Amino acid sequence: MNQNTYLNAVRAHVDTLYRRGRMDSLVSHDIGADEQNDPTLVAHRVYSRRDDVDVVMLCAGTNRIGEPLPLGRIYLPTAATLMQLKRQHLSE
């Protein structure tokens, strides 16, 4: 299980689509005041599971669970893309 490879793939995917202006292929989420100190809440609202908190923190630009998320819009991979990247990189 290579978590770093997985998160690097998520970052590359989101960055590539964002640079190409393909935000329609990403999930946009506006971080609210109630979510600023709880990235697991964002993961639950976007993916219906709190386990993907690492993806939320990566896309929000934070490094640890206690670090507040920046208020405003973030872009995340779709649930289908996230599952594909997990299968590809975490099963190795």
PDB file of N, CA and C in Angstrom:
ATOM      1  N   MET A   1       0.837  -1.170   0.000  1.00  0.00           N
ATOM      2  CA  MET A   1       0.000   0.000   0.000  1.00  0.00           C
ATOM      3  C   MET A   1       0.885   1.238   0.000  1.00  0.00           C
ATOM      4  N   ASN A   2       0.819   2.001  -1.059  1.00  0.00           N
ATOM      5  CA  ASN A   2       1.673   3.172  -1.170  1.00  0.00           C
ATOM      6  C   ASN A   2       0.822   4.433  -1.165  1.00  0.00           C
ATOM      7  N   GLN A   3       0.610   4.984   0.011  1.00  0.00           N
ATOM      8  CA  GLN A   3      -0.235   6.157   0.204  1.00  0.00           C
ATOM      9  C   GLN A   3       0.309   7.382  -0.530  1.00  0.00           C
ATOM     10  N   ASN A   4       1.628   7.560  -0.536  1.00  0.00           N
ATOM     11  CA  ASN A   4       2.209   8.726  -1.201  1.00  0.00           C
ATOM     12  C   ASN A   4       1.967   8.699  -2.700  1.00  0.00           C
ATOM     13  N   THR A   5       2.124   7.551  -3.318  1.00  0.00           N
ATOM     14  CA  THR A   5       1.872   7.425  -4.750  1.00  0.00           C
ATOM     15  C   THR A   5       0.415   7.730  -5.067  1.00  0.00           C
ATOM     16  N   TYR A   6      -0.467   7.238  -4.233  1.00  0.00           N
ATOM     17  CA  TYR A   6      -1.903   7.484  -4.404  1.00  0.00           C
ATOM     18  C   TYR A   6      -2.216   8.979  -4.316  1.00  0.00           C
ATOM     19  N   LEU A   7      -1.732   9.638  -3.266  1.00  0.00           N
ATOM     20  CA  LEU A   7      -2.009  11.066  -3.105  1.00  0.00           C
ATOM     21  C   LEU A   7      -1.350  11.897  -4.194  1.00  0.00           C
ATOM     22  N   ASN A   8      -0.170  11.491  -4.655  1.00  0.00           N
ATOM     23  CA  ASN A   8       0.466  12.189  -5.784  1.00  0.00           C
ATOM     24  C   ASN A   8      -0.383  12.056  -7.044  1.00  0.00           C
ATOM     25  N   ALA A   9      -0.980  10.891  -7.253  1.00  0.00           N
ATOM     26  CA  ALA A   9      -1.844  10.675  -8.423  1.00  0.00           C
ATOM     27  C   ALA A   9      -3.106  11.533  -8.322  1.00  0.00           C
ATOM     28  N   VAL A  10      -3.661  11.637  -7.128  1.00  0.00           N
ATOM     29  CA  VAL A  10      -4.841  12.491  -6.927  1.00  0.00           C
ATOM     30  C   VAL A  10      -4.483  13.941  -7.228  1.00  0.00           C
ATOM     31  N   ARG A  11      -3.365  14.395  -6.683  1.00  0.00           N
ATOM     32  CA  ARG A  11      -2.928  15.777  -6.917  1.00  0.00           C
ATOM     33  C   ARG A  11      -2.694  16.034  -8.407  1.00  0.00           C
ATOM     34  N   ALA A  12      -2.025  15.127  -9.091  1.00  0.00           N
ATOM     35  CA  ALA A  12      -1.750  15.291 -10.521  1.00  0.00           C
ATOM     36  C   ALA A  12      -3.049  15.338 -11.320  1.00  0.00           C
ATOM     37  N   HIS A  13      -3.985  14.494 -10.971  1.00  0.00           N
ATOM     38  CA  HIS A  13      -5.273  14.456 -11.667  1.00  0.00           C
ATOM     39  C   HIS A  13      -6.009  15.791 -11.525  1.00  0.00           C
ATOM     40  N   VAL A  14      -6.138  16.257 -10.295  1.00  0.00           N
ATOM     41  CA  VAL A  14      -6.862  17.511 -10.041  1.00  0.00           C
ATOM     42  C   VAL A  14      -6.131  18.682 -10.680  1.00  0.00           C
ATOM     43  N   ASP A  15      -4.819  18.755 -10.522  1.00  0.00           N
ATOM     44  CA  ASP A  15      -4.047  19.868 -11.086  1.00  0.00           C
ATOM     45  C   ASP A  15      -4.145  19.906 -12.610  1.00  0.00           C
ATOM     46  N   THR A  16      -4.059  18.752 -13.240  1.00  0.00           N
ATOM     47  CA  THR A  16      -4.129  18.693 -14.704  1.00  0.00           C
ATOM     48  C   THR A  16      -5.480  19.176 -15.210  1.00  0.00           C
ATOM     49  N   LEU A  17      -6.552  18.668 -14.621  1.00  0.00           N
ATOM     50  CA  LEU A  17      -7.882  19.091 -15.061  1.00  0.00           C
ATOM     51  C   LEU A  17      -8.113  20.568 -14.781  1.00  0.00           C
ATOM     52  N   TYR A  18      -7.650  21.058 -13.651  1.00  0.00           N
ATOM     53  CA  TYR A  18      -7.817  22.470 -13.308  1.00  0.00           C
ATOM     54  C   TYR A  18      -7.070  23.366 -14.298  1.00  0.00           C
ATOM     55  N   ARG A  19      -5.830  23.007 -14.608  1.00  0.00           N
ATOM     56  CA  ARG A  19      -5.027  23.806 -15.557  1.00  0.00           C
ATOM     57  C   ARG A  19      -5.658  23.824 -16.939  1.00  0.00           C
ATOM     58  N   ARG A  20      -6.297  22.729 -17.313  1.00  0.00           N
ATOM     59  CA  ARG A  20      -6.931  22.643 -18.636  1.00  0.00           C
ATOM     60  C   ARG A  20      -8.326  23.263 -18.659  1.00  0.00           C
ATOM     61  N   GLY A  21      -8.757  23.780 -17.513  1.00  0.00           N
ATOM     62  CA  GLY A  21     -10.075  24.397 -17.448  1.00  0.00           C
ATOM     63  C   GLY A  21     -11.210  23.399 -17.446  1.00  0.00           C
ATOM     64  N   ARG A  22     -10.946  22.177 -17.049  1.00  0.00           N
ATOM     65  CA  ARG A  22     -11.948  21.109 -17.061  1.00  0.00           C
ATOM     66  C   ARG A  22     -12.564  20.915 -15.672  1.00  0.00           C
ATOM     67  N   MET A  23     -12.965  22.005 -15.051  1.00  0.00           N
ATOM     68  CA  MET A  23     -13.561  21.912 -13.727  1.00  0.00           C
ATOM     69  C   MET A  23     -14.878  21.147 -13.748  1.00  0.00           C
ATOM     70  N   ASP A  24     -15.481  20.982 -14.943  1.00  0.00           N
ATOM     71  CA  ASP A  24     -16.709  20.195 -15.050  1.00  0.00           C
ATOM     72  C   ASP A  24     -16.446  18.713 -14.773  1.00  0.00           C
ATOM     73  N   SER A  25     -15.187  18.301 -14.824  1.00  0.00           N
ATOM     74  CA  SER A  25     -14.813  16.911 -14.537  1.00  0.00           C
ATOM     75  C   SER A  25     -14.370  16.735 -13.085  1.00  0.00           C
ATOM     76  N   LEU A  26     -14.501  17.785 -12.298  1.00  0.00           N
ATOM     77  CA  LEU A  26     -14.127  17.746 -10.887  1.00  0.00           C
ATOM     78  C   LEU A  26     -15.351  18.103 -10.041  1.00  0.00           C
ATOM     79  N   VAL A  27     -15.274  17.805  -8.769  1.00  0.00           N
ATOM     80  CA  VAL A  27     -16.318  18.200  -7.824  1.00  0.00           C
ATOM     81  C   VAL A  27     -15.863  19.494  -7.174  1.00  0.00           C
ATOM     82  N   SER A  28     -16.670  20.534  -7.281  1.00  0.00           N
ATOM     83  CA  SER A  28     -16.328  21.784  -6.591  1.00  0.00           C
ATOM     84  C   SER A  28     -17.101  21.813  -5.269  1.00  0.00           C
ATOM     85  N   HIS A  29     -16.420  22.271  -4.245  1.00  0.00           N
ATOM     86  CA  HIS A  29     -17.057  22.349  -2.931  1.00  0.00           C
ATOM     87  C   HIS A  29     -16.606  23.639  -2.259  1.00  0.00           C
ATOM     88  N   ASP A  30     -17.563  24.383  -1.745  1.00  0.00           N
ATOM     89  CA  ASP A  30     -17.266  25.613  -1.014  1.00  0.00           C
ATOM     90  C   ASP A  30     -17.154  25.275   0.465  1.00  0.00           C
ATOM     91  N   ILE A  31     -15.960  25.481   1.023  1.00  0.00           N
ATOM     92  CA  ILE A  31     -15.725  25.225   2.437  1.00  0.00           C
ATOM     93  C   ILE A  31     -16.483  26.264   3.250  1.00  0.00           C
ATOM     94  N   GLY A  32     -17.368  25.795   4.099  1.00  0.00           N
ATOM     95  CA  GLY A  32     -18.141  26.684   4.952  1.00  0.00           C
ATOM     96  C   GLY A  32     -17.508  26.818   6.325  1.00  0.00           C
ATOM     97  N   ALA A  33     -18.013  27.754   7.089  1.00  0.00           N
ATOM     98  CA  ALA A  33     -17.474  28.002   8.423  1.00  0.00           C
ATOM     99  C   ALA A  33     -17.609  26.777   9.320  1.00  0.00           C
ATOM    100  N   ASP A  34     -18.682  25.990   9.139  1.00  0.00           N
ATOM    101  CA  ASP A  34     -18.866  24.792   9.955  1.00  0.00           C
ATOM    102  C   ASP A  34     -17.900  23.672   9.573  1.00  0.00           C
ATOM    103  N   GLU A  35     -17.300  23.765   8.401  1.00  0.00           N
ATOM    104  CA  GLU A  35     -16.383  22.722   7.921  1.00  0.00           C
ATOM    105  C   GLU A  35     -14.914  23.094   8.094  1.00  0.00           C
ATOM    106  N   GLN A  36     -14.649  24.343   8.398  1.00  0.00           N
ATOM    107  CA  GLN A  36     -13.275  24.839   8.410  1.00  0.00           C
ATOM    108  C   GLN A  36     -12.360  24.048   9.331  1.00  0.00           C
ATOM    109  N   ASN A  37     -12.851  23.586  10.455  1.00  0.00           N
ATOM    110  CA  ASN A  37     -12.027  22.843  11.404  1.00  0.00           C
ATOM    111  C   ASN A  37     -12.315  21.349  11.400  1.00  0.00           C
ATOM    112  N   ASP A  38     -13.074  20.878  10.409  1.00  0.00           N
ATOM    113  CA  ASP A  38     -13.427  19.459  10.346  1.00  0.00           C
ATOM    114  C   ASP A  38     -13.401  18.953   8.903  1.00  0.00           C
ATOM    115  N   PRO A  39     -12.216  18.594   8.383  1.00  0.00           N
ATOM    116  CA  PRO A  39     -12.147  18.104   7.008  1.00  0.00           C
ATOM    117  C   PRO A  39     -12.906  16.787   6.817  1.00  0.00           C
ATOM    118  N   THR A  40     -13.146  16.053   7.900  1.00  0.00           N
ATOM    119  CA  THR A  40     -13.928  14.816   7.759  1.00  0.00           C
ATOM    120  C   THR A  40     -15.369  15.128   7.380  1.00  0.00           C
ATOM    121  N   LEU A  41     -15.878  16.287   7.794  1.00  0.00           N
ATOM    122  CA  LEU A  41     -17.226  16.699   7.432  1.00  0.00           C
ATOM    123  C   LEU A  41     -17.320  16.976   5.930  1.00  0.00           C
ATOM    124  N   VAL A  42     -16.294  17.585   5.379  1.00  0.00           N
ATOM    125  CA  VAL A  42     -16.259  17.824   3.926  1.00  0.00           C
ATOM    126  C   VAL A  42     -16.232  16.482   3.193  1.00  0.00           C
ATOM    127  N   ALA A  43     -15.393  15.571   3.650  1.00  0.00           N
ATOM    128  CA  ALA A  43     -15.319  14.243   3.018  1.00  0.00           C
ATOM    129  C   ALA A  43     -16.676  13.555   3.072  1.00  0.00           C
ATOM    130  N   HIS A  44     -17.359  13.672   4.186  1.00  0.00           N
ATOM    131  CA  HIS A  44     -18.679  13.057   4.325  1.00  0.00           C
ATOM    132  C   HIS A  44     -19.688  13.693   3.363  1.00  0.00           C
ATOM    133  N   ARG A  45     -19.651  15.001   3.254  1.00  0.00           N
ATOM    134  CA  ARG A  45     -20.611  15.690   2.385  1.00  0.00           C
ATOM    135  C   ARG A  45     -20.336  15.454   0.902  1.00  0.00           C
ATOM    136  N   VAL A  46     -19.074  15.337   0.539  1.00  0.00           N
ATOM    137  CA  VAL A  46     -18.728  15.153  -0.877  1.00  0.00           C
ATOM    138  C   VAL A  46     -18.802  13.683  -1.284  1.00  0.00           C
ATOM    139  N   TYR A  47     -18.231  12.793  -0.463  1.00  0.00           N
ATOM    140  CA  TYR A  47     -18.110  11.381  -0.830  1.00  0.00           C
ATOM    141  C   TYR A  47     -19.000  10.445  -0.010  1.00  0.00           C
ATOM    142  N   SER A  48     -19.775  10.999   0.916  1.00  0.00           N
ATOM    143  CA  SER A  48     -20.642  10.204   1.799  1.00  0.00           C
ATOM    144  C   SER A  48     -19.862   9.235   2.675  1.00  0.00           C
ATOM    145  N   ARG A  49     -18.614   9.551   2.939  1.00  0.00           N
ATOM    146  CA  ARG A  49     -17.773   8.763   3.835  1.00  0.00           C
ATOM    147  C   ARG A  49     -16.647   9.648   4.348  1.00  0.00           C
ATOM    148  N   ARG A  50     -16.293   9.474   5.581  1.00  0.00           N
ATOM    149  CA  ARG A  50     -15.270  10.313   6.191  1.00  0.00           C
ATOM    150  C   ARG A  50     -13.854   9.801   5.948  1.00  0.00           C
ATOM    151  N   ASP A  51     -13.720   8.607   5.383  1.00  0.00           N
ATOM    152  CA  ASP A  51     -12.410   8.001   5.178  1.00  0.00           C
ATOM    153  C   ASP A  51     -11.537   8.754   4.174  1.00  0.00           C
ATOM    154  N   ASP A  52     -12.137   9.550   3.324  1.00  0.00           N
ATOM    155  CA  ASP A  52     -11.380  10.249   2.280  1.00  0.00           C
ATOM    156  C   ASP A  52     -10.927  11.633   2.723  1.00  0.00           C
ATOM    157  N   VAL A  53     -10.722  11.800   4.011  1.00  0.00           N
ATOM    158  CA  VAL A  53     -10.292  13.077   4.568  1.00  0.00           C
ATOM    159  C   VAL A  53      -8.926  13.489   4.024  1.00  0.00           C
ATOM    160  N   ASP A  54      -8.054  12.521   3.724  1.00  0.00           N
ATOM    161  CA  ASP A  54      -6.731  12.848   3.181  1.00  0.00           C
ATOM    162  C   ASP A  54      -6.833  13.547   1.836  1.00  0.00           C
ATOM    163  N   VAL A  55      -7.801  13.178   1.033  1.00  0.00           N
ATOM    164  CA  VAL A  55      -8.002  13.816  -0.271  1.00  0.00           C
ATOM    165  C   VAL A  55      -8.506  15.248  -0.082  1.00  0.00           C
ATOM    166  N   VAL A  56      -9.402  15.439   0.868  1.00  0.00           N
ATOM    167  CA  VAL A  56      -9.917  16.777   1.154  1.00  0.00           C
ATOM    168  C   VAL A  56      -8.777  17.692   1.598  1.00  0.00           C
ATOM    169  N   MET A  57      -7.952  17.214   2.527  1.00  0.00           N
ATOM    170  CA  MET A  57      -6.847  18.041   3.018  1.00  0.00           C
ATOM    171  C   MET A  57      -5.852  18.337   1.902  1.00  0.00           C
ATOM    172  N   LEU A  58      -5.562  17.362   1.067  1.00  0.00           N
ATOM    173  CA  LEU A  58      -4.652  17.559  -0.059  1.00  0.00           C
ATOM    174  C   LEU A  58      -5.183  18.638  -0.999  1.00  0.00           C
ATOM    175  N   CYS A  59      -6.438  18.538  -1.370  1.00  0.00           N
ATOM    176  CA  CYS A  59      -7.018  19.489  -2.319  1.00  0.00           C
ATOM    177  C   CYS A  59      -7.217  20.877  -1.710  1.00  0.00           C
ATOM    178  N   ALA A  60      -7.337  20.936  -0.392  1.00  0.00           N
ATOM    179  CA  ALA A  60      -7.479  22.230   0.280  1.00  0.00           C
ATOM    180  C   ALA A  60      -6.125  22.853   0.597  1.00  0.00           C
ATOM    181  N   GLY A  61      -5.057  22.078   0.454  1.00  0.00           N
ATOM    182  CA  GLY A  61      -3.723  22.610   0.701  1.00  0.00           C
ATOM    183  C   GLY A  61      -3.297  22.582   2.155  1.00  0.00           C
ATOM    184  N   THR A  62      -3.905  21.707   2.951  1.00  0.00           N
ATOM    185  CA  THR A  62      -3.506  21.580   4.348  1.00  0.00           C
ATOM    186  C   THR A  62      -2.727  20.288   4.543  1.00  0.00           C
ATOM    187  N   ASN A  63      -1.976  20.218   5.637  1.00  0.00           N
ATOM    188  CA  ASN A  63      -1.084  19.085   5.847  1.00  0.00           C
ATOM    189  C   ASN A  63      -1.462  18.168   7.000  1.00  0.00           C
ATOM    190  N   ARG A  64      -2.258  18.674   7.926  1.00  0.00           N
ATOM    191  CA  ARG A  64      -2.595  17.844   9.082  1.00  0.00           C
ATOM    192  C   ARG A  64      -4.026  18.119   9.512  1.00  0.00           C
ATOM    193  N   ILE A  65      -4.574  17.189  10.259  1.00  0.00           N
ATOM    194  CA  ILE A  65      -5.985  17.232  10.620  1.00  0.00           C
ATOM    195  C   ILE A  65      -6.348  18.459  11.453  1.00  0.00           C
ATOM    196  N   GLY A  66      -5.458  18.986  12.273  1.00  0.00           N
ATOM    197  CA  GLY A  66      -5.757  20.142  13.112  1.00  0.00           C
ATOM    198  C   GLY A  66      -5.637  21.479  12.412  1.00  0.00           C
ATOM    199  N   GLU A  67      -5.114  21.479  11.208  1.00  0.00           N
ATOM    200  CA  GLU A  67      -4.927  22.725  10.454  1.00  0.00           C
ATOM    201  C   GLU A  67      -6.257  23.141   9.816  1.00  0.00           C
ATOM    202  N   PRO A  68      -6.700  24.379  10.053  1.00  0.00           N
ATOM    203  CA  PRO A  68      -7.985  24.806   9.487  1.00  0.00           C
ATOM    204  C   PRO A  68      -7.957  24.846   7.966  1.00  0.00           C
ATOM    205  N   LEU A  69      -9.057  24.426   7.371  1.00  0.00           N
ATOM    206  CA  LEU A  69      -9.205  24.498   5.919  1.00  0.00           C
ATOM    207  C   LEU A  69      -9.456  25.954   5.526  1.00  0.00           C
ATOM    208  N   PRO A  70      -8.943  26.371   4.383  1.00  0.00           N
ATOM    209  CA  PRO A  70      -9.223  27.740   3.932  1.00  0.00           C
ATOM    210  C   PRO A  70     -10.677  27.862   3.479  1.00  0.00           C
ATOM    211  N   LEU A  71     -11.319  28.935   3.856  1.00  0.00           N
ATOM    212  CA  LEU A  71     -12.682  29.169   3.393  1.00  0.00           C
ATOM    213  C   LEU A  71     -12.647  29.447   1.898  1.00  0.00           C
ATOM    214  N   GLY A  72     -13.631  28.974   1.193  1.00  0.00           N
ATOM    215  CA  GLY A  72     -13.688  29.181  -0.247  1.00  0.00           C
ATOM    216  C   GLY A  72     -13.826  27.871  -0.989  1.00  0.00           C
ATOM    217  N   ARG A  73     -13.704  27.939  -2.291  1.00  0.00           N
ATOM    218  CA  ARG A  73     -13.937  26.796  -3.166  1.00  0.00           C
ATOM    219  C   ARG A  73     -12.681  25.949  -3.322  1.00  0.00           C
ATOM    220  N   ILE A  74     -12.884  24.634  -3.253  1.00  0.00           N
ATOM    221  CA  ILE A  74     -11.830  23.671  -3.574  1.00  0.00           C
ATOM    222  C   ILE A  74     -12.375  22.729  -4.639  1.00  0.00           C
ATOM    223  N   TYR A  75     -11.468  22.104  -5.368  1.00  0.00           N
ATOM    224  CA  TYR A  75     -11.842  21.138  -6.394  1.00  0.00           C
ATOM    225  C   TYR A  75     -11.290  19.784  -6.004  1.00  0.00           C
ATOM    226  N   LEU A  76     -12.147  18.774  -6.119  1.00  0.00           N
ATOM    227  CA  LEU A  76     -11.812  17.410  -5.726  1.00  0.00           C
ATOM    228  C   LEU A  76     -12.123  16.469  -6.878  1.00  0.00           C
ATOM    229  N   PRO A  77     -11.479  15.297  -6.901  1.00  0.00           N
ATOM    230  CA  PRO A  77     -11.826  14.315  -7.923  1.00  0.00           C
ATOM    231  C   PRO A  77     -13.230  13.762  -7.672  1.00  0.00           C
ATOM    232  N   THR A  78     -13.861  13.290  -8.719  1.00  0.00           N
ATOM    233  CA  THR A  78     -15.168  12.651  -8.548  1.00  0.00           C
ATOM    234  C   THR A  78     -14.993  11.352  -7.767  1.00  0.00           C
ATOM    235  N   ALA A  79     -16.083  10.848  -7.227  1.00  0.00           N
ATOM    236  CA  ALA A  79     -16.030   9.600  -6.464  1.00  0.00           C
ATOM    237  C   ALA A  79     -15.553   8.440  -7.342  1.00  0.00           C
ATOM    238  N   ALA A  80     -16.002   8.404  -8.593  1.00  0.00           N
ATOM    239  CA  ALA A  80     -15.591   7.329  -9.492  1.00  0.00           C
ATOM    240  C   ALA A  80     -14.093   7.391  -9.777  1.00  0.00           C
ATOM    241  N   THR A  81     -13.581   8.577 -10.016  1.00  0.00           N
ATOM    242  CA  THR A  81     -12.145   8.737 -10.261  1.00  0.00           C
ATOM    243  C   THR A  81     -11.347   8.372  -9.025  1.00  0.00           C
ATOM    244  N   LEU A  82     -11.838   8.768  -7.872  1.00  0.00           N
ATOM    245  CA  LEU A  82     -11.146   8.454  -6.627  1.00  0.00           C
ATOM    246  C   LEU A  82     -11.063   6.945  -6.417  1.00  0.00           C
ATOM    247  N   MET A  83     -12.131   6.237  -6.682  1.00  0.00           N
ATOM    248  CA  MET A  83     -12.121   4.773  -6.538  1.00  0.00           C
ATOM    249  C   MET A  83     -11.145   4.143  -7.536  1.00  0.00           C
ATOM    250  N   GLN A  84     -11.105   4.661  -8.742  1.00  0.00           N
ATOM    251  CA  GLN A  84     -10.181   4.145  -9.755  1.00  0.00           C
ATOM    252  C   GLN A  84      -8.733   4.359  -9.321  1.00  0.00           C
ATOM    253  N   LEU A  85      -8.421   5.541  -8.821  1.00  0.00           N
ATOM    254  CA  LEU A  85      -7.059   5.827  -8.362  1.00  0.00           C
ATOM    255  C   LEU A  85      -6.692   4.966  -7.155  1.00  0.00           C
ATOM    256  N   LYS A  86      -7.645   4.727  -6.271  1.00  0.00           N
ATOM    257  CA  LYS A  86      -7.390   3.848  -5.123  1.00  0.00           C
ATOM    258  C   LYS A  86      -7.052   2.437  -5.589  1.00  0.00           C
ATOM    259  N   ARG A  87      -7.871   1.904  -6.488  1.00  0.00           N
ATOM    260  CA  ARG A  87      -7.611   0.544  -7.004  1.00  0.00           C
ATOM    261  C   ARG A  87      -6.241   0.470  -7.678  1.00  0.00           C
ATOM    262  N   GLN A  88      -5.922   1.483  -8.429  1.00  0.00           N
ATOM    263  CA  GLN A  88      -4.680   1.482  -9.192  1.00  0.00           C
ATOM    264  C   GLN A  88      -3.454   1.629  -8.302  1.00  0.00           C
ATOM    265  N   HIS A  89      -3.506   2.488  -7.305  1.00  0.00           N
ATOM    266  CA  HIS A  89      -2.295   2.813  -6.538  1.00  0.00           C
ATOM    267  C   HIS A  89      -2.209   2.186  -5.161  1.00  0.00           C
ATOM    268  N   LEU A  90      -3.331   1.818  -4.587  1.00  0.00           N
ATOM    269  CA  LEU A  90      -3.278   1.259  -3.238  1.00  0.00           C
ATOM    270  C   LEU A  90      -3.266  -0.267  -3.232  1.00  0.00           C
ATOM    271  N   SER A  91      -3.503  -0.866  -4.376  1.00  0.00           N
ATOM    272  CA  SER A  91      -3.495  -2.333  -4.433  1.00  0.00           C
ATOM    273  C   SER A  91      -2.115  -2.888  -4.757  1.00  0.00           C
ATOM    274  N   GLU A  92      -1.171  -2.009  -5.072  1.00  0.00           N
ATOM    275  CA  GLU A  92       0.176  -2.446  -5.449  1.00  0.00           C
ATOM    276  C   GLU A  92       0.934  -2.998  -4.264  1.00  0.00           C
TER     277      GLU A  92
END
